[in-house]
Amino acid sequence: MRKSRFSEEQIVGILKEHQAGTAVADLCRKYGISDATFYTWRSQFSGMEASDAKRLKALEEENRKLKKLLAEAVLDAATLREALGNNF
């Protein structure tokens, strides 16, 4: 996944500027982002503070790692079942 040019704090700041009354087109031009990027950020980070956004990213990363570990464990179990099934 591509790393964003903007940190969570910067994204929350941009969204707060919009809430303060700045037009979306002006923000997009000022920060060099597309409308789609802005609305994606708004759907992900609206109503959050910077600390909440950091916590969300940390939880998503932890969840990704746990899913990978689970997939590897399921694959190992399936391999063992298959090996034991062929012996008998």
N, C-alpha and C. Protein backbone atom coordinates (compact mmCIF):
# COMPACT_ATOMS: atom_id res chain seq x y z
N MET A 1 0.83 -1.17 0.00
CA MET A 1 0.00 0.00 0.00
C MET A 1 0.88 1.24 0.00
N ARG A 2 0.49 2.24 -0.75
CA ARG A 2 1.28 3.45 -0.91
C ARG A 2 1.18 4.32 0.34
N LYS A 3 2.30 4.85 0.76
CA LYS A 3 2.35 5.74 1.91
C LYS A 3 1.84 7.11 1.52
N SER A 4 0.98 7.68 2.33
CA SER A 4 0.42 9.00 2.07
C SER A 4 1.47 10.09 2.27
N ARG A 5 1.34 11.14 1.50
CA ARG A 5 2.23 12.29 1.68
C ARG A 5 1.86 13.06 2.94
N PHE A 6 0.66 12.84 3.44
CA PHE A 6 0.15 13.59 4.56
C PHE A 6 0.03 12.68 5.79
N SER A 7 0.39 13.22 6.94
CA SER A 7 0.23 12.47 8.19
C SER A 7 -1.23 12.57 8.64
N GLU A 8 -1.58 11.78 9.64
CA GLU A 8 -2.94 11.81 10.15
C GLU A 8 -3.28 13.19 10.71
N GLU A 9 -2.30 13.82 11.37
CA GLU A 9 -2.52 15.14 11.93
C GLU A 9 -2.82 16.17 10.83
N GLN A 10 -2.09 16.07 9.72
CA GLN A 10 -2.31 16.99 8.62
C GLN A 10 -3.68 16.77 7.99
N ILE A 11 -4.08 15.51 7.84
CA ILE A 11 -5.38 15.21 7.25
C ILE A 11 -6.49 15.76 8.13
N VAL A 12 -6.38 15.53 9.44
CA VAL A 12 -7.40 16.05 10.37
C VAL A 12 -7.42 17.57 10.30
N GLY A 13 -6.26 18.21 10.18
CA GLY A 13 -6.20 19.66 10.05
C GLY A 13 -6.90 20.17 8.81
N ILE A 14 -6.70 19.48 7.70
CA ILE A 14 -7.34 19.86 6.44
C ILE A 14 -8.86 19.72 6.58
N LEU A 15 -9.31 18.64 7.20
CA LEU A 15 -10.74 18.46 7.39
C LEU A 15 -11.33 19.51 8.33
N LYS A 16 -10.56 19.94 9.31
CA LYS A 16 -11.03 21.01 10.21
C LYS A 16 -11.13 22.34 9.46
N GLU A 17 -10.23 22.58 8.53
CA GLU A 17 -10.33 23.78 7.70
C GLU A 17 -11.63 23.77 6.92
N HIS A 18 -12.01 22.61 6.40
CA HIS A 18 -13.27 22.49 5.65
C HIS A 18 -14.46 22.76 6.57
N GLN A 19 -14.39 22.22 7.79
CA GLN A 19 -15.48 22.45 8.74
C GLN A 19 -15.58 23.93 9.12
N ALA A 20 -14.47 24.64 9.06
CA ALA A 20 -14.46 26.06 9.37
C ALA A 20 -15.05 26.90 8.25
N GLY A 21 -15.30 26.29 7.09
CA GLY A 21 -15.96 27.02 6.02
C GLY A 21 -15.20 27.15 4.73
N THR A 22 -14.01 26.60 4.64
CA THR A 22 -13.24 26.66 3.40
C THR A 22 -13.83 25.70 2.38
N ALA A 23 -13.93 26.13 1.14
CA ALA A 23 -14.51 25.31 0.08
C ALA A 23 -13.59 24.13 -0.25
N VAL A 24 -14.21 23.02 -0.66
CA VAL A 24 -13.46 21.81 -0.99
C VAL A 24 -12.50 22.08 -2.14
N ALA A 25 -12.96 22.78 -3.16
CA ALA A 25 -12.10 23.06 -4.32
C ALA A 25 -10.87 23.86 -3.92
N ASP A 26 -11.06 24.82 -3.01
CA ASP A 26 -9.92 25.63 -2.55
C ASP A 26 -8.91 24.79 -1.78
N LEU A 27 -9.42 23.91 -0.91
CA LEU A 27 -8.53 23.03 -0.15
C LEU A 27 -7.76 22.08 -1.06
N CYS A 28 -8.45 21.53 -2.03
CA CYS A 28 -7.80 20.59 -2.96
C CYS A 28 -6.70 21.29 -3.75
N ARG A 29 -6.96 22.49 -4.19
CA ARG A 29 -5.96 23.24 -4.94
C ARG A 29 -4.79 23.61 -4.03
N LYS A 30 -5.08 24.04 -2.80
CA LYS A 30 -4.05 24.48 -1.86
C LYS A 30 -3.10 23.34 -1.50
N TYR A 31 -3.65 22.13 -1.27
CA TYR A 31 -2.82 21.01 -0.81
C TYR A 31 -2.44 20.04 -1.92
N GLY A 32 -2.93 20.26 -3.12
CA GLY A 32 -2.56 19.41 -4.25
C GLY A 32 -3.15 18.02 -4.17
N ILE A 33 -4.41 17.92 -3.75
CA ILE A 33 -5.08 16.63 -3.67
C ILE A 33 -6.31 16.66 -4.57
N SER A 34 -6.84 15.49 -4.88
CA SER A 34 -8.04 15.42 -5.71
C SER A 34 -9.29 15.48 -4.83
N ASP A 35 -10.41 15.74 -5.46
CA ASP A 35 -11.68 15.73 -4.73
C ASP A 35 -11.93 14.36 -4.12
N ALA A 36 -11.62 13.31 -4.89
CA ALA A 36 -11.85 11.95 -4.40
C ALA A 36 -11.03 11.67 -3.15
N THR A 37 -9.80 12.13 -3.12
CA THR A 37 -8.95 11.96 -1.94
C THR A 37 -9.56 12.67 -0.75
N PHE A 38 -10.01 13.90 -0.96
CA PHE A 38 -10.61 14.66 0.13
C PHE A 38 -11.83 13.93 0.70
N TYR A 39 -12.71 13.46 -0.18
CA TYR A 39 -13.92 12.80 0.30
C TYR A 39 -13.63 11.44 0.94
N THR A 40 -12.57 10.77 0.48
CA THR A 40 -12.15 9.52 1.14
C THR A 40 -11.66 9.81 2.54
N TRP A 41 -10.84 10.84 2.67
CA TRP A 41 -10.37 11.25 4.00
C TRP A 41 -11.54 11.61 4.89
N ARG A 42 -12.50 12.35 4.33
CA ARG A 42 -13.65 12.78 5.13
C ARG A 42 -14.44 11.58 5.63
N SER A 43 -14.58 10.55 4.78
CA SER A 43 -15.32 9.37 5.23
C SER A 43 -14.56 8.59 6.29
N GLN A 44 -13.23 8.62 6.24
CA GLN A 44 -12.42 7.88 7.21
C GLN A 44 -12.19 8.66 8.50
N PHE A 45 -11.93 9.95 8.41
CA PHE A 45 -11.44 10.70 9.55
C PHE A 45 -12.39 11.77 10.07
N SER A 46 -13.60 11.89 9.54
CA SER A 46 -14.48 12.96 9.98
C SER A 46 -14.83 12.79 11.45
N GLY A 47 -14.81 13.87 12.19
CA GLY A 47 -15.14 13.84 13.60
C GLY A 47 -14.03 13.35 14.51
N MET A 48 -12.86 13.08 13.97
CA MET A 48 -11.75 12.57 14.77
C MET A 48 -10.78 13.69 15.12
N GLU A 49 -10.10 13.47 16.21
CA GLU A 49 -8.95 14.30 16.56
C GLU A 49 -7.71 13.58 16.04
N ALA A 50 -6.58 14.25 16.07
CA ALA A 50 -5.33 13.66 15.55
C ALA A 50 -4.96 12.39 16.31
N SER A 51 -5.16 12.39 17.62
CA SER A 51 -4.81 11.20 18.41
C SER A 51 -5.71 10.02 18.05
N ASP A 52 -6.99 10.30 17.76
CA ASP A 52 -7.90 9.24 17.35
C ASP A 52 -7.48 8.63 16.02
N ALA A 53 -7.03 9.49 15.10
CA ALA A 53 -6.60 9.03 13.79
C ALA A 53 -5.36 8.15 13.92
N LYS A 54 -4.42 8.53 14.78
CA LYS A 54 -3.22 7.71 15.00
C LYS A 54 -3.61 6.35 15.57
N ARG A 55 -4.52 6.36 16.52
CA ARG A 55 -4.98 5.10 17.15
C ARG A 55 -5.65 4.21 16.11
N LEU A 56 -6.45 4.79 15.22
CA LEU A 56 -7.11 4.02 14.17
C LEU A 56 -6.08 3.35 13.27
N LYS A 57 -5.06 4.08 12.86
CA LYS A 57 -4.02 3.51 11.99
C LYS A 57 -3.28 2.38 12.70
N ALA A 58 -2.99 2.57 13.99
CA ALA A 58 -2.29 1.52 14.75
C ALA A 58 -3.15 0.27 14.86
N LEU A 59 -4.44 0.45 15.10
CA LEU A 59 -5.34 -0.71 15.20
C LEU A 59 -5.49 -1.43 13.86
N GLU A 60 -5.55 -0.66 12.77
CA GLU A 60 -5.64 -1.28 11.45
C GLU A 60 -4.39 -2.11 11.14
N GLU A 61 -3.22 -1.59 11.50
CA GLU A 61 -1.97 -2.31 11.28
C GLU A 61 -1.92 -3.59 12.12
N GLU A 62 -2.34 -3.50 13.38
CA GLU A 62 -2.37 -4.68 14.24
C GLU A 62 -3.35 -5.72 13.70
N ASN A 63 -4.49 -5.27 13.23
CA ASN A 63 -5.48 -6.17 12.66
C ASN A 63 -4.94 -6.88 11.42
N ARG A 64 -4.20 -6.16 10.58
CA ARG A 64 -3.60 -6.75 9.39
C ARG A 64 -2.62 -7.86 9.77
N LYS A 65 -1.79 -7.60 10.78
CA LYS A 65 -0.82 -8.60 11.22
C LYS A 65 -1.50 -9.83 11.79
N LEU A 66 -2.56 -9.62 12.58
CA LEU A 66 -3.27 -10.75 13.16
C LEU A 66 -3.97 -11.60 12.10
N LYS A 67 -4.53 -10.95 11.10
CA LYS A 67 -5.15 -11.70 10.00
C LYS A 67 -4.13 -12.55 9.25
N LYS A 68 -2.93 -12.00 9.07
CA LYS A 68 -1.87 -12.76 8.39
C LYS A 68 -1.47 -13.97 9.22
N LEU A 69 -1.31 -13.79 10.54
CA LEU A 69 -0.96 -14.90 11.42
C LEU A 69 -2.04 -15.98 11.39
N LEU A 70 -3.31 -15.57 11.41
CA LEU A 70 -4.41 -16.53 11.37
C LEU A 70 -4.40 -17.32 10.06
N ALA A 71 -4.19 -16.64 8.96
CA ALA A 71 -4.16 -17.31 7.66
C ALA A 71 -3.03 -18.34 7.60
N GLU A 72 -1.87 -17.98 8.14
CA GLU A 72 -0.75 -18.92 8.16
C GLU A 72 -1.05 -20.12 9.04
N ALA A 73 -1.70 -19.91 10.18
CA ALA A 73 -2.04 -21.01 11.08
C ALA A 73 -3.06 -21.95 10.44
N VAL A 74 -4.04 -21.40 9.75
CA VAL A 74 -5.03 -22.22 9.07
C VAL A 74 -4.38 -23.04 7.96
N LEU A 75 -3.46 -22.44 7.24
CA LEU A 75 -2.75 -23.15 6.17
C LEU A 75 -1.91 -24.28 6.75
N ASP A 76 -1.21 -24.02 7.86
CA ASP A 76 -0.42 -25.07 8.51
C ASP A 76 -1.31 -26.22 8.97
N ALA A 77 -2.45 -25.90 9.55
CA ALA A 77 -3.37 -26.94 10.02
C ALA A 77 -3.90 -27.77 8.86
N ALA A 78 -4.23 -27.13 7.77
CA ALA A 78 -4.73 -27.84 6.60
C ALA A 78 -3.65 -28.76 6.03
N THR A 79 -2.41 -28.29 6.00
CA THR A 79 -1.29 -29.10 5.51
C THR A 79 -1.09 -30.33 6.39
N LEU A 80 -1.15 -30.14 7.71
CA LEU A 80 -1.01 -31.27 8.63
C LEU A 80 -2.14 -32.28 8.47
N ARG A 81 -3.37 -31.79 8.33
CA ARG A 81 -4.51 -32.70 8.13
C ARG A 81 -4.33 -33.52 6.85
N GLU A 82 -3.87 -32.87 5.81
CA GLU A 82 -3.67 -33.56 4.53
C GLU A 82 -2.58 -34.61 4.66
N ALA A 83 -1.48 -34.28 5.34
CA ALA A 83 -0.38 -35.22 5.51
C ALA A 83 -0.82 -36.41 6.36
N LEU A 84 -1.56 -36.16 7.42
CA LEU A 84 -2.04 -37.26 8.27
C LEU A 84 -3.08 -38.12 7.57
N GLY A 85 -3.87 -37.50 6.71
CA GLY A 85 -4.90 -38.25 5.98
C GLY A 85 -4.29 -39.21 4.97
N ASN A 86 -3.17 -38.88 4.39
CA ASN A 86 -2.53 -39.73 3.39
C ASN A 86 -1.80 -40.91 4.04
N ASN A 87 -1.41 -40.79 5.31
CA ASN A 87 -0.67 -41.86 5.99
C ASN A 87 -1.58 -43.02 6.39
N PHE A 88 -2.83 -42.75 6.63
CA PHE A 88 -3.71 -43.80 7.11
C PHE A 88 -4.46 -44.36 5.98
